[in-house]
C-alpha cells in the first residue's frame, strides 16, 4: 500500500508521464511508496465536442476552464476517496516552500492509510472562480506565469515524494540539504579530481578530521 497517492486532473497527461516514470519518482512507484493516477479532464467535457472552456463574462482575452467539467472530474475521484485533498497551482496561491513539502511527506509517512492528493492542472486563461469552492489548497511555485499547471504539479509531487523515507539513497540525504532548516543553503561540496584546472578542493575536506570538516561546513552554509 503506497504512503501517498496523487491523482492529476489534466488535459495533457502525456507531458507528465515521462517525468513520473523516471529516476526517483519511478523508484518511489516501484517500491510501493507513491502512486500516480491521471484523469483526463476532456472525458468530462460538455456536448459532442467535449468542451471544457468558454469565454469570459465581462469580456477579456482567452478562455476559462468551466465549472461543470472540473466539478464532475473531481467528484468522480472523491466518490471512491472522499478524504482526498484538492490542490490547485495558481498565482493567487501561497508560495510553495520546503517546509510545506516536509509537512505533507511527514503526514503521509505517519498516516495509517495512503494520503490522497488531487491536483487540478488549469490551462487557457485560467479557471472560473467558483472552482475554488472545492479546492483545499492553492499553491504558487513562483512569481511568474506558465502555460498550464502540469509543471507546477510535477514540482509539488517531486518535492514531497523525495522526502518520504525509502526514496532517496542516503539515510540523511533529505536532512542536510538546502532549505532543510529554514532558509539555509547547503555548504559547497566536491568530488574527484582534487585539482581541476587549478581549482583545488579545500584541504580541510581531505584531512580526515570530522570535527573540523563539520565546522568548515557550518561556516560555509549560506542563507537564501
N, C-alpha and C. Protein backbone atom coordinates (compact mmCIF):
# COMPACT_ATOMS: atom_id res chain seq x y z
N UNK A 1 0.84 -1.20 0.00
CA UNK A 1 0.00 0.00 0.00
C UNK A 1 0.88 1.25 0.00
N UNK A 2 0.65 2.17 -0.95
CA UNK A 2 1.50 3.37 -1.02
C UNK A 2 1.29 4.28 0.18
N UNK A 3 2.30 5.09 0.46
CA UNK A 3 2.19 6.10 1.51
C UNK A 3 1.41 7.31 1.02
N UNK A 4 1.52 7.58 -0.28
CA UNK A 4 0.86 8.76 -0.83
C UNK A 4 0.40 8.46 -2.26
N UNK A 5 -0.73 9.03 -2.60
CA UNK A 5 -1.29 8.85 -3.94
C UNK A 5 -1.62 10.22 -4.52
N UNK A 6 -1.23 10.42 -5.76
CA UNK A 6 -1.55 11.66 -6.47
C UNK A 6 -2.45 11.33 -7.67
N UNK A 7 -3.56 12.03 -7.76
CA UNK A 7 -4.40 11.95 -8.95
C UNK A 7 -4.34 13.31 -9.63
N UNK A 8 -3.85 13.32 -10.85
CA UNK A 8 -3.65 14.57 -11.58
C UNK A 8 -4.73 14.71 -12.63
N UNK A 9 -5.52 15.77 -12.51
CA UNK A 9 -6.56 16.06 -13.50
C UNK A 9 -5.97 17.03 -14.51
N UNK A 10 -5.88 16.58 -15.76
CA UNK A 10 -5.16 17.36 -16.76
C UNK A 10 -5.69 17.07 -18.16
N UNK A 11 -5.42 17.98 -19.06
CA UNK A 11 -5.72 17.78 -20.47
C UNK A 11 -4.51 17.20 -21.21
N UNK A 12 -3.36 17.17 -20.54
CA UNK A 12 -2.12 16.80 -21.22
C UNK A 12 -1.29 15.84 -20.37
N UNK A 13 -1.86 14.69 -20.08
CA UNK A 13 -1.14 13.75 -19.21
C UNK A 13 0.14 13.22 -19.86
N UNK A 14 0.23 13.29 -21.20
CA UNK A 14 1.43 12.81 -21.87
C UNK A 14 2.66 13.65 -21.51
N UNK A 15 2.45 14.87 -21.02
CA UNK A 15 3.58 15.70 -20.61
C UNK A 15 4.08 15.33 -19.22
N UNK A 16 3.28 14.62 -18.45
CA UNK A 16 3.62 14.29 -17.07
C UNK A 16 4.25 12.91 -16.93
N UNK A 17 3.79 11.97 -17.72
CA UNK A 17 4.20 10.57 -17.53
C UNK A 17 5.71 10.33 -17.67
N UNK A 18 6.39 10.95 -18.65
CA UNK A 18 7.83 10.68 -18.75
C UNK A 18 8.60 11.01 -17.47
N UNK A 19 8.26 12.12 -16.85
CA UNK A 19 8.98 12.51 -15.63
C UNK A 19 8.66 11.57 -14.47
N UNK A 20 7.39 11.23 -14.32
CA UNK A 20 6.99 10.38 -13.20
C UNK A 20 7.40 8.93 -13.39
N UNK A 21 7.86 8.59 -14.58
CA UNK A 21 8.36 7.24 -14.85
C UNK A 21 9.88 7.19 -14.89
N UNK A 22 10.52 8.20 -14.31
CA UNK A 22 11.98 8.33 -14.37
C UNK A 22 12.56 8.57 -12.98
N UNK A 23 13.77 8.08 -12.77
CA UNK A 23 14.57 8.40 -11.60
C UNK A 23 13.85 8.11 -10.28
N UNK A 24 13.86 9.07 -9.36
CA UNK A 24 13.35 8.84 -8.02
C UNK A 24 11.84 8.66 -7.98
N UNK A 25 11.12 9.29 -8.91
CA UNK A 25 9.68 9.10 -8.93
C UNK A 25 9.34 7.68 -9.37
N UNK A 26 10.10 7.17 -10.32
CA UNK A 26 9.93 5.77 -10.74
C UNK A 26 10.25 4.83 -9.58
N UNK A 27 11.35 5.13 -8.87
CA UNK A 27 11.75 4.30 -7.74
C UNK A 27 10.66 4.28 -6.67
N UNK A 28 10.09 5.45 -6.37
CA UNK A 28 9.03 5.54 -5.36
C UNK A 28 7.83 4.70 -5.77
N UNK A 29 7.50 4.74 -7.06
CA UNK A 29 6.37 3.95 -7.57
C UNK A 29 6.67 2.46 -7.52
N UNK A 30 7.86 2.07 -7.96
CA UNK A 30 8.24 0.66 -7.97
C UNK A 30 8.32 0.08 -6.57
N UNK A 31 8.72 0.89 -5.61
CA UNK A 31 8.83 0.42 -4.22
C UNK A 31 7.52 0.52 -3.45
N UNK A 32 6.46 0.92 -4.14
CA UNK A 32 5.15 0.97 -3.48
C UNK A 32 5.00 2.12 -2.51
N UNK A 33 5.83 3.17 -2.66
CA UNK A 33 5.77 4.31 -1.76
C UNK A 33 4.78 5.36 -2.28
N UNK A 34 4.74 5.54 -3.59
CA UNK A 34 3.87 6.55 -4.19
C UNK A 34 3.10 5.94 -5.36
N UNK A 35 1.94 6.50 -5.60
CA UNK A 35 1.11 6.07 -6.73
C UNK A 35 0.68 7.31 -7.50
N UNK A 36 0.70 7.21 -8.82
CA UNK A 36 0.34 8.33 -9.68
C UNK A 36 -0.79 7.92 -10.62
N UNK A 37 -1.90 8.61 -10.53
CA UNK A 37 -3.04 8.36 -11.41
C UNK A 37 -3.32 9.62 -12.24
N UNK A 38 -4.00 9.43 -13.35
CA UNK A 38 -4.34 10.56 -14.22
C UNK A 38 -5.82 10.52 -14.58
N UNK A 39 -6.43 11.68 -14.59
CA UNK A 39 -7.81 11.84 -15.05
C UNK A 39 -7.79 12.83 -16.20
N UNK A 40 -8.35 12.42 -17.33
CA UNK A 40 -8.42 13.30 -18.49
C UNK A 40 -9.64 14.20 -18.34
N UNK A 41 -9.40 15.50 -18.15
CA UNK A 41 -10.50 16.44 -17.97
C UNK A 41 -11.44 16.43 -19.17
N UNK A 42 -10.90 16.14 -20.35
CA UNK A 42 -11.72 16.12 -21.56
C UNK A 42 -12.83 15.07 -21.47
N UNK A 43 -12.60 14.01 -20.70
CA UNK A 43 -13.63 12.97 -20.55
C UNK A 43 -14.89 13.51 -19.89
N UNK A 44 -14.77 14.65 -19.23
CA UNK A 44 -15.91 15.25 -18.53
C UNK A 44 -16.41 16.51 -19.25
N UNK A 45 -15.90 16.72 -20.45
CA UNK A 45 -16.30 17.87 -21.24
C UNK A 45 -17.77 17.81 -21.65
N UNK A 46 -18.31 18.93 -22.03
CA UNK A 46 -19.73 19.06 -22.35
C UNK A 46 -19.99 19.02 -23.85
N UNK A 47 -21.08 18.38 -24.21
CA UNK A 47 -21.50 18.36 -25.60
C UNK A 47 -20.71 17.42 -26.47
N UNK A 48 -21.02 17.38 -27.74
CA UNK A 48 -20.36 16.46 -28.67
C UNK A 48 -18.86 16.72 -28.83
N UNK A 49 -18.43 17.95 -28.56
CA UNK A 49 -17.01 18.29 -28.71
C UNK A 49 -16.26 18.25 -27.38
N UNK A 50 -16.93 17.77 -26.33
CA UNK A 50 -16.29 17.64 -25.00
C UNK A 50 -15.67 18.97 -24.55
N UNK A 51 -16.46 19.99 -24.57
CA UNK A 51 -16.00 21.35 -24.27
C UNK A 51 -15.67 21.49 -22.78
N UNK A 52 -14.52 22.05 -22.47
CA UNK A 52 -14.12 22.25 -21.06
C UNK A 52 -13.87 23.72 -20.74
N UNK A 53 -13.93 24.60 -21.74
CA UNK A 53 -13.62 26.01 -21.51
C UNK A 53 -14.62 26.89 -22.26
N UNK A 54 -14.70 28.16 -21.85
CA UNK A 54 -15.61 29.09 -22.53
C UNK A 54 -15.11 30.51 -22.33
N UNK A 55 -15.75 31.44 -23.04
CA UNK A 55 -15.34 32.85 -22.99
C UNK A 55 -15.65 33.46 -21.62
N UNK A 56 -15.04 34.62 -21.37
CA UNK A 56 -15.10 35.25 -20.05
C UNK A 56 -16.25 36.24 -19.96
N UNK A 57 -17.07 36.10 -18.92
CA UNK A 57 -18.12 37.09 -18.68
C UNK A 57 -17.48 38.45 -18.43
N UNK A 58 -18.02 39.49 -19.03
CA UNK A 58 -17.48 40.83 -18.86
C UNK A 58 -16.42 41.16 -19.89
N UNK A 59 -16.06 40.17 -20.72
CA UNK A 59 -15.08 40.41 -21.76
C UNK A 59 -13.66 40.11 -21.31
N UNK A 60 -12.78 39.99 -22.24
CA UNK A 60 -11.38 39.71 -21.95
C UNK A 60 -10.85 38.65 -22.89
N UNK A 61 -9.53 38.63 -23.03
CA UNK A 61 -8.89 37.66 -23.92
C UNK A 61 -8.85 36.28 -23.28
N UNK A 62 -8.81 35.26 -24.13
CA UNK A 62 -8.63 33.91 -23.65
C UNK A 62 -9.91 33.23 -23.21
N UNK A 63 -9.74 32.02 -22.72
CA UNK A 63 -10.85 31.18 -22.29
C UNK A 63 -10.58 30.69 -20.86
N UNK A 64 -11.67 30.42 -20.15
CA UNK A 64 -11.56 29.92 -18.77
C UNK A 64 -12.07 28.49 -18.70
N UNK A 65 -11.44 27.68 -17.82
CA UNK A 65 -11.99 26.36 -17.52
C UNK A 65 -13.36 26.54 -16.89
N UNK A 66 -14.31 25.75 -17.34
CA UNK A 66 -15.68 25.83 -16.85
C UNK A 66 -15.85 25.02 -15.56
N UNK A 67 -16.84 25.41 -14.77
CA UNK A 67 -17.11 24.73 -13.50
C UNK A 67 -17.49 23.27 -13.69
N UNK A 68 -18.47 23.02 -14.55
CA UNK A 68 -19.09 21.70 -14.60
C UNK A 68 -18.10 20.57 -14.89
N UNK A 69 -17.27 20.67 -15.93
CA UNK A 69 -16.32 19.58 -16.17
C UNK A 69 -15.36 19.36 -15.01
N UNK A 70 -14.89 20.46 -14.39
CA UNK A 70 -13.95 20.35 -13.29
C UNK A 70 -14.62 19.72 -12.07
N UNK A 71 -15.80 20.20 -11.71
CA UNK A 71 -16.51 19.62 -10.57
C UNK A 71 -16.76 18.13 -10.80
N UNK A 72 -17.21 17.77 -12.00
CA UNK A 72 -17.52 16.38 -12.28
C UNK A 72 -16.27 15.49 -12.20
N UNK A 73 -15.13 16.02 -12.69
CA UNK A 73 -13.88 15.25 -12.65
C UNK A 73 -13.43 15.02 -11.21
N UNK A 74 -13.45 16.07 -10.40
CA UNK A 74 -13.03 15.95 -9.00
C UNK A 74 -13.98 15.05 -8.23
N UNK A 75 -15.28 15.21 -8.45
CA UNK A 75 -16.26 14.39 -7.74
C UNK A 75 -16.17 12.93 -8.13
N UNK A 76 -15.74 12.65 -9.35
CA UNK A 76 -15.58 11.25 -9.77
C UNK A 76 -14.46 10.57 -8.98
N UNK A 77 -13.41 11.33 -8.65
CA UNK A 77 -12.30 10.79 -7.85
C UNK A 77 -12.73 10.66 -6.40
N UNK A 78 -13.42 11.67 -5.91
CA UNK A 78 -13.83 11.69 -4.50
C UNK A 78 -14.91 10.65 -4.18
N UNK A 79 -15.55 10.12 -5.20
CA UNK A 79 -16.56 9.10 -4.98
C UNK A 79 -15.94 7.89 -4.27
N UNK A 80 -14.71 7.54 -4.65
CA UNK A 80 -14.01 6.42 -4.02
C UNK A 80 -13.01 6.87 -2.97
N UNK A 81 -12.74 8.16 -2.92
CA UNK A 81 -11.74 8.68 -1.98
C UNK A 81 -12.23 10.02 -1.43
N UNK A 82 -13.25 9.99 -0.58
CA UNK A 82 -13.88 11.23 -0.13
C UNK A 82 -12.96 12.15 0.68
N UNK A 83 -11.90 11.59 1.25
CA UNK A 83 -11.00 12.41 2.07
C UNK A 83 -9.85 13.02 1.26
N UNK A 84 -9.84 12.76 -0.02
CA UNK A 84 -8.76 13.30 -0.86
C UNK A 84 -8.75 14.83 -0.82
N UNK A 85 -7.57 15.41 -0.77
CA UNK A 85 -7.40 16.86 -0.76
C UNK A 85 -7.18 17.36 -2.18
N UNK A 86 -7.75 18.51 -2.50
CA UNK A 86 -7.64 19.08 -3.84
C UNK A 86 -6.67 20.26 -3.82
N UNK A 87 -5.61 20.17 -4.63
CA UNK A 87 -4.61 21.23 -4.74
C UNK A 87 -4.70 21.87 -6.11
N UNK A 88 -4.51 23.19 -6.13
CA UNK A 88 -4.59 23.94 -7.38
C UNK A 88 -3.38 24.86 -7.52
N UNK A 89 -2.56 24.68 -8.57
CA UNK A 89 -1.49 25.65 -8.83
C UNK A 89 -2.07 26.92 -9.42
N UNK A 90 -1.75 28.06 -8.81
CA UNK A 90 -2.30 29.33 -9.25
C UNK A 90 -1.44 30.47 -8.72
N UNK A 91 -1.27 31.56 -9.47
CA UNK A 91 -0.53 32.71 -8.96
C UNK A 91 -1.13 33.29 -7.69
N UNK A 92 -2.41 32.99 -7.44
CA UNK A 92 -3.07 33.50 -6.24
C UNK A 92 -2.80 32.65 -5.01
N UNK A 93 -2.03 31.57 -5.17
CA UNK A 93 -1.78 30.67 -4.05
C UNK A 93 -0.59 31.06 -3.20
N UNK A 94 -0.42 30.34 -2.11
CA UNK A 94 0.72 30.52 -1.21
C UNK A 94 1.98 29.99 -1.89
N UNK A 95 3.08 30.73 -1.76
CA UNK A 95 4.35 30.28 -2.34
C UNK A 95 4.75 28.95 -1.70
N UNK A 96 5.00 27.95 -2.54
CA UNK A 96 5.35 26.62 -2.08
C UNK A 96 6.78 26.60 -1.54
N UNK A 97 6.96 26.05 -0.33
CA UNK A 97 8.27 26.03 0.32
C UNK A 97 8.62 24.61 0.77
N UNK A 98 9.88 24.42 1.10
CA UNK A 98 10.35 23.11 1.55
C UNK A 98 9.59 22.64 2.78
N UNK A 99 9.27 23.54 3.66
CA UNK A 99 8.56 23.16 4.88
C UNK A 99 7.17 22.61 4.57
N UNK A 100 6.55 23.10 3.50
CA UNK A 100 5.24 22.59 3.11
C UNK A 100 5.36 21.15 2.61
N UNK A 101 6.39 20.91 1.79
CA UNK A 101 6.62 19.56 1.29
C UNK A 101 6.93 18.60 2.44
N UNK A 102 7.73 19.06 3.38
CA UNK A 102 8.11 18.23 4.53
C UNK A 102 6.90 17.89 5.38
N UNK A 103 6.01 18.85 5.56
CA UNK A 103 4.81 18.62 6.37
C UNK A 103 3.93 17.53 5.76
N UNK A 104 3.76 17.58 4.44
CA UNK A 104 2.93 16.58 3.78
C UNK A 104 3.62 15.22 3.76
N UNK A 105 4.92 15.20 3.50
CA UNK A 105 5.66 13.94 3.50
C UNK A 105 5.59 13.27 4.87
N UNK A 106 5.70 14.06 5.92
CA UNK A 106 5.60 13.51 7.28
C UNK A 106 4.21 12.96 7.55
N UNK A 107 3.20 13.70 7.11
CA UNK A 107 1.82 13.26 7.29
C UNK A 107 1.57 11.94 6.55
N UNK A 108 2.12 11.84 5.34
CA UNK A 108 1.97 10.61 4.56
C UNK A 108 2.65 9.44 5.24
N UNK A 109 3.83 9.69 5.79
CA UNK A 109 4.60 8.64 6.47
C UNK A 109 3.89 8.14 7.71
N UNK A 110 3.22 9.04 8.42
CA UNK A 110 2.60 8.68 9.70
C UNK A 110 1.17 8.18 9.55
N UNK A 111 0.56 8.40 8.39
CA UNK A 111 -0.84 8.03 8.20
C UNK A 111 -1.00 6.51 8.07
N UNK A 112 -2.10 6.00 8.61
CA UNK A 112 -2.38 4.57 8.53
C UNK A 112 -2.87 4.17 7.14
N UNK A 113 -3.44 5.10 6.40
CA UNK A 113 -3.87 4.83 5.04
C UNK A 113 -3.23 5.84 4.11
N UNK A 114 -3.17 5.53 2.81
CA UNK A 114 -2.48 6.44 1.88
C UNK A 114 -3.08 7.84 1.90
N UNK A 115 -2.22 8.83 1.94
CA UNK A 115 -2.64 10.22 1.81
C UNK A 115 -2.92 10.48 0.34
N UNK A 116 -4.10 10.97 0.03
CA UNK A 116 -4.50 11.14 -1.37
C UNK A 116 -4.64 12.63 -1.69
N UNK A 117 -3.90 13.06 -2.70
CA UNK A 117 -3.94 14.45 -3.15
C UNK A 117 -4.36 14.49 -4.62
N UNK A 118 -5.39 15.27 -4.89
CA UNK A 118 -5.83 15.52 -6.27
C UNK A 118 -5.25 16.86 -6.70
N UNK A 119 -4.61 16.90 -7.85
CA UNK A 119 -4.07 18.15 -8.37
C UNK A 119 -4.79 18.49 -9.67
N UNK A 120 -5.42 19.65 -9.69
CA UNK A 120 -6.08 20.14 -10.90
C UNK A 120 -5.10 21.02 -11.66
N UNK A 121 -4.86 20.70 -12.92
CA UNK A 121 -3.96 21.49 -13.76
C UNK A 121 -4.78 22.44 -14.65
N UNK A 122 -4.83 23.71 -14.30
CA UNK A 122 -5.58 24.66 -15.14
C UNK A 122 -4.85 24.95 -16.44
N UNK A 123 -5.58 25.47 -17.41
CA UNK A 123 -4.99 25.84 -18.69
C UNK A 123 -5.73 27.06 -19.23
N UNK A 124 -5.38 27.45 -20.42
CA UNK A 124 -6.00 28.61 -21.06
C UNK A 124 -5.73 29.87 -20.23
N UNK A 125 -6.71 30.73 -20.08
CA UNK A 125 -6.52 31.97 -19.34
C UNK A 125 -6.63 31.76 -17.84
N UNK A 126 -7.17 30.61 -17.43
CA UNK A 126 -7.33 30.33 -16.01
C UNK A 126 -8.56 29.48 -15.76
N UNK A 127 -9.27 29.78 -14.69
CA UNK A 127 -10.39 28.95 -14.27
C UNK A 127 -11.51 29.83 -13.73
N UNK A 128 -12.71 29.34 -13.82
CA UNK A 128 -13.87 30.00 -13.21
C UNK A 128 -13.65 30.05 -11.69
N UNK A 129 -13.81 31.23 -11.12
CA UNK A 129 -13.51 31.45 -9.69
C UNK A 129 -14.29 30.50 -8.78
N UNK A 130 -15.44 30.04 -9.21
CA UNK A 130 -16.26 29.16 -8.38
C UNK A 130 -15.63 27.80 -8.16
N UNK A 131 -14.65 27.46 -8.99
CA UNK A 131 -13.93 26.19 -8.81
C UNK A 131 -13.20 26.17 -7.46
N UNK A 132 -12.84 27.35 -6.96
CA UNK A 132 -12.12 27.41 -5.68
C UNK A 132 -12.95 26.87 -4.52
N UNK A 133 -14.26 26.77 -4.69
CA UNK A 133 -15.10 26.27 -3.61
C UNK A 133 -14.84 24.80 -3.30
N UNK A 134 -14.20 24.07 -4.23
CA UNK A 134 -13.88 22.66 -3.96
C UNK A 134 -12.37 22.43 -3.89
N UNK A 135 -11.61 23.50 -3.76
CA UNK A 135 -10.15 23.40 -3.64
C UNK A 135 -9.76 23.56 -2.17
N UNK A 136 -8.89 22.65 -1.69
CA UNK A 136 -8.42 22.72 -0.30
C UNK A 136 -7.17 23.57 -0.15
N UNK A 137 -6.33 23.58 -1.17
CA UNK A 137 -5.06 24.30 -1.05
C UNK A 137 -4.65 24.90 -2.39
N UNK A 138 -4.45 26.21 -2.42
CA UNK A 138 -3.89 26.88 -3.59
C UNK A 138 -2.39 27.04 -3.36
N UNK A 139 -1.59 26.75 -4.37
CA UNK A 139 -0.14 26.92 -4.20
C UNK A 139 0.45 27.58 -5.43
N UNK A 140 1.54 28.28 -5.23
CA UNK A 140 2.23 29.01 -6.29
C UNK A 140 3.72 28.65 -6.23
N UNK A 141 4.34 28.34 -7.36
CA UNK A 141 5.75 27.96 -7.35
C UNK A 141 6.68 29.13 -7.61
N UNK A 142 6.13 30.30 -7.85
CA UNK A 142 6.98 31.47 -8.07
C UNK A 142 6.22 32.59 -8.75
N UNK A 143 6.82 33.75 -8.77
CA UNK A 143 6.15 34.93 -9.32
C UNK A 143 6.38 35.05 -10.82
N UNK A 144 5.82 34.08 -11.52
CA UNK A 144 5.85 34.08 -12.98
C UNK A 144 4.68 33.22 -13.45
N UNK A 145 4.35 33.30 -14.73
CA UNK A 145 3.18 32.60 -15.26
C UNK A 145 3.61 31.55 -16.27
N UNK A 146 3.01 30.37 -16.17
CA UNK A 146 3.28 29.27 -17.09
C UNK A 146 2.04 29.00 -17.95
N UNK A 147 2.22 28.20 -18.97
CA UNK A 147 1.12 27.88 -19.88
C UNK A 147 0.04 27.05 -19.20
N UNK A 148 0.44 26.18 -18.31
CA UNK A 148 -0.53 25.32 -17.63
C UNK A 148 -0.02 24.85 -16.30
N UNK A 149 -0.81 24.00 -15.65
CA UNK A 149 -0.49 23.56 -14.29
C UNK A 149 0.33 22.29 -14.21
N UNK A 150 0.77 21.75 -15.36
CA UNK A 150 1.48 20.48 -15.33
C UNK A 150 2.86 20.59 -14.68
N UNK A 151 3.62 21.60 -15.05
CA UNK A 151 4.94 21.76 -14.42
C UNK A 151 4.84 22.02 -12.92
N UNK A 152 3.97 22.93 -12.46
CA UNK A 152 3.82 23.09 -11.01
C UNK A 152 3.40 21.80 -10.30
N UNK A 153 2.57 21.00 -10.95
CA UNK A 153 2.14 19.75 -10.31
C UNK A 153 3.32 18.81 -10.13
N UNK A 154 4.21 18.76 -11.13
CA UNK A 154 5.40 17.91 -11.01
C UNK A 154 6.32 18.40 -9.89
N UNK A 155 6.45 19.71 -9.77
CA UNK A 155 7.29 20.27 -8.72
C UNK A 155 6.72 19.92 -7.34
N UNK A 156 5.42 20.06 -7.18
CA UNK A 156 4.78 19.71 -5.92
C UNK A 156 5.03 18.24 -5.59
N UNK A 157 4.77 17.36 -6.55
CA UNK A 157 4.90 15.92 -6.34
C UNK A 157 6.34 15.55 -5.99
N UNK A 158 7.28 16.01 -6.79
CA UNK A 158 8.69 15.67 -6.57
C UNK A 158 9.16 16.14 -5.20
N UNK A 159 8.82 17.36 -4.84
CA UNK A 159 9.30 17.92 -3.58
C UNK A 159 8.77 17.15 -2.37
N UNK A 160 7.60 16.53 -2.50
CA UNK A 160 7.03 15.75 -1.41
C UNK A 160 7.56 14.33 -1.40
N UNK A 161 7.48 13.66 -2.54
CA UNK A 161 7.80 12.23 -2.61
C UNK A 161 9.24 11.96 -2.21
N UNK A 162 10.17 12.82 -2.62
CA UNK A 162 11.59 12.58 -2.33
C UNK A 162 11.90 12.63 -0.84
N UNK A 163 11.00 13.22 -0.05
CA UNK A 163 11.22 13.33 1.39
C UNK A 163 10.68 12.13 2.18
N UNK A 164 9.95 11.26 1.52
CA UNK A 164 9.41 10.09 2.20
C UNK A 164 10.52 9.05 2.31
N UNK A 165 10.79 8.52 3.50
CA UNK A 165 11.86 7.53 3.68
C UNK A 165 11.74 6.37 2.69
N UNK A 166 12.89 5.99 2.12
CA UNK A 166 12.91 4.90 1.17
C UNK A 166 13.03 5.35 -0.27
N UNK A 167 12.93 6.68 -0.51
CA UNK A 167 13.00 7.18 -1.88
C UNK A 167 14.43 7.60 -2.23
N UNK A 168 15.03 8.46 -1.43
CA UNK A 168 16.42 8.88 -1.68
C UNK A 168 17.38 7.81 -1.19
N UNK A 169 18.57 7.83 -1.73
CA UNK A 169 19.54 6.79 -1.40
C UNK A 169 20.10 6.88 0.01
N UNK A 170 20.65 8.05 0.37
CA UNK A 170 21.30 8.19 1.66
C UNK A 170 20.32 8.41 2.80
N UNK A 171 20.65 7.89 3.95
CA UNK A 171 19.77 8.00 5.12
C UNK A 171 19.52 9.45 5.51
N UNK A 172 20.55 10.30 5.34
CA UNK A 172 20.44 11.69 5.75
C UNK A 172 20.34 12.65 4.56
N UNK A 173 20.08 12.12 3.37
CA UNK A 173 20.09 12.95 2.16
C UNK A 173 19.15 14.14 2.25
N UNK A 174 17.97 13.91 2.81
CA UNK A 174 16.96 14.97 2.87
C UNK A 174 17.09 15.83 4.12
N UNK A 175 17.99 15.44 5.02
CA UNK A 175 18.11 16.16 6.29
C UNK A 175 19.09 17.31 6.20
N UNK A 176 20.18 17.10 5.43
CA UNK A 176 21.25 18.09 5.43
C UNK A 176 21.26 18.96 4.18
N UNK A 177 20.23 18.86 3.33
CA UNK A 177 20.25 19.60 2.09
C UNK A 177 19.73 21.03 2.27
N UNK A 178 19.75 21.79 1.19
CA UNK A 178 19.28 23.17 1.22
C UNK A 178 17.83 23.24 1.66
N UNK A 179 17.51 24.27 2.44
CA UNK A 179 16.16 24.55 2.95
C UNK A 179 15.65 23.51 3.94
N UNK A 180 16.54 22.59 4.37
CA UNK A 180 16.10 21.60 5.35
C UNK A 180 15.91 22.23 6.73
N UNK A 181 16.51 23.42 6.92
CA UNK A 181 16.38 24.12 8.19
C UNK A 181 16.12 25.59 7.91
N UNK A 182 14.91 25.89 7.47
CA UNK A 182 14.56 27.27 7.17
C UNK A 182 15.11 27.71 5.84
N UNK A 183 15.96 28.77 5.85
CA UNK A 183 16.47 29.36 4.61
C UNK A 183 17.92 28.99 4.33
N UNK A 184 18.38 27.90 4.94
CA UNK A 184 19.77 27.51 4.74
C UNK A 184 20.02 27.03 3.31
N UNK A 185 21.21 27.35 2.79
CA UNK A 185 21.68 26.82 1.51
C UNK A 185 22.85 25.90 1.82
N UNK A 186 22.79 24.69 1.32
CA UNK A 186 23.79 23.68 1.65
C UNK A 186 25.21 24.14 1.34
N UNK A 187 26.16 23.71 2.16
CA UNK A 187 27.58 24.04 2.01
C UNK A 187 28.12 23.51 0.68
N UNK A 188 29.23 24.09 0.19
CA UNK A 188 29.84 23.60 -1.05
C UNK A 188 30.31 22.16 -0.91
N UNK A 189 30.22 21.41 -1.99
CA UNK A 189 30.66 20.01 -1.97
C UNK A 189 31.54 19.73 -3.18
N UNK A 190 32.44 18.73 -3.04
CA UNK A 190 33.42 18.43 -4.07
C UNK A 190 33.58 16.92 -4.22
N UNK A 191 34.07 16.52 -5.41
CA UNK A 191 34.45 15.13 -5.63
C UNK A 191 35.72 15.11 -6.47
N UNK A 192 36.18 13.94 -6.88
CA UNK A 192 37.43 13.83 -7.64
C UNK A 192 37.29 14.49 -9.01
N UNK A 193 38.39 15.08 -9.55
CA UNK A 193 39.76 15.06 -9.02
C UNK A 193 39.99 16.17 -7.99
N UNK A 194 41.08 16.04 -7.26
CA UNK A 194 41.44 17.04 -6.25
C UNK A 194 41.74 18.39 -6.90
N UNK A 195 42.45 18.34 -8.02
CA UNK A 195 42.86 19.56 -8.73
C UNK A 195 42.28 19.52 -10.14
N UNK A 196 41.38 20.43 -10.45
CA UNK A 196 40.82 20.51 -11.79
C UNK A 196 41.07 21.90 -12.33
N UNK A 197 41.97 21.97 -13.32
CA UNK A 197 42.33 23.24 -13.97
C UNK A 197 42.73 24.32 -12.95
N UNK A 198 43.46 23.88 -11.96
CA UNK A 198 43.95 24.81 -10.96
C UNK A 198 42.98 25.09 -9.82
N UNK A 199 41.77 24.57 -9.91
CA UNK A 199 40.78 24.74 -8.84
C UNK A 199 40.86 23.52 -7.93
N UNK A 200 41.32 23.75 -6.70
CA UNK A 200 41.60 22.64 -5.79
C UNK A 200 40.52 22.51 -4.71
N UNK A 201 40.30 21.28 -4.30
CA UNK A 201 39.39 21.00 -3.20
C UNK A 201 40.01 21.55 -1.91
N UNK A 202 39.24 22.22 -1.06
CA UNK A 202 39.80 22.70 0.22
C UNK A 202 40.44 21.56 1.00
N UNK A 203 41.67 21.78 1.46
CA UNK A 203 42.44 20.73 2.11
C UNK A 203 41.75 20.18 3.36
N UNK A 204 40.96 21.01 4.04
CA UNK A 204 40.31 20.56 5.26
C UNK A 204 39.40 19.37 5.00
N UNK A 205 38.85 19.29 3.78
CA UNK A 205 37.93 18.21 3.45
C UNK A 205 38.65 16.88 3.23
N UNK A 206 39.97 16.95 3.07
CA UNK A 206 40.77 15.74 2.90
C UNK A 206 41.53 15.38 4.18
N UNK A 207 41.30 16.13 5.24
CA UNK A 207 42.09 15.97 6.47
C UNK A 207 41.71 14.75 7.28
N UNK A 208 40.48 14.27 7.12
CA UNK A 208 40.03 13.15 7.94
C UNK A 208 39.58 13.57 9.33
N UNK A 209 39.67 14.87 9.62
CA UNK A 209 39.24 15.39 10.92
C UNK A 209 37.77 15.78 10.81
N UNK A 210 36.88 14.89 11.24
CA UNK A 210 35.45 15.11 11.05
C UNK A 210 34.93 16.33 11.80
N UNK A 211 35.51 16.61 12.93
CA UNK A 211 35.09 17.77 13.69
C UNK A 211 35.39 19.05 12.95
N UNK A 212 36.60 19.14 12.39
CA UNK A 212 36.98 20.32 11.63
C UNK A 212 36.19 20.43 10.32
N UNK A 213 35.90 19.27 9.72
CA UNK A 213 35.10 19.27 8.48
C UNK A 213 33.70 19.81 8.78
N UNK A 214 33.10 19.33 9.87
CA UNK A 214 31.76 19.81 10.26
C UNK A 214 31.78 21.31 10.52
N UNK A 215 32.83 21.77 11.19
CA UNK A 215 32.96 23.19 11.48
C UNK A 215 33.06 23.99 10.18
N UNK A 216 33.87 23.50 9.23
CA UNK A 216 34.03 24.19 7.94
C UNK A 216 32.70 24.25 7.20
N UNK A 217 31.97 23.16 7.21
CA UNK A 217 30.68 23.10 6.51
C UNK A 217 29.68 24.09 7.12
N UNK A 218 29.63 24.16 8.42
CA UNK A 218 28.71 25.10 9.07
C UNK A 218 29.09 26.54 8.74
N UNK A 219 30.39 26.80 8.70
CA UNK A 219 30.85 28.15 8.38
C UNK A 219 30.51 28.55 6.94
N UNK A 220 30.36 27.56 6.07
CA UNK A 220 30.15 27.85 4.65
C UNK A 220 28.72 27.66 4.19
N UNK A 221 27.81 27.36 5.13
CA UNK A 221 26.39 27.37 4.79
C UNK A 221 25.95 28.80 4.51
N UNK A 222 25.02 28.96 3.63
CA UNK A 222 24.52 30.29 3.27
C UNK A 222 23.05 30.42 3.62
N UNK A 223 22.57 31.63 3.64
CA UNK A 223 21.15 31.91 3.87
C UNK A 223 20.55 32.44 2.58
N UNK A 224 19.43 31.85 2.17
CA UNK A 224 18.78 32.27 0.92
C UNK A 224 18.24 33.68 1.05
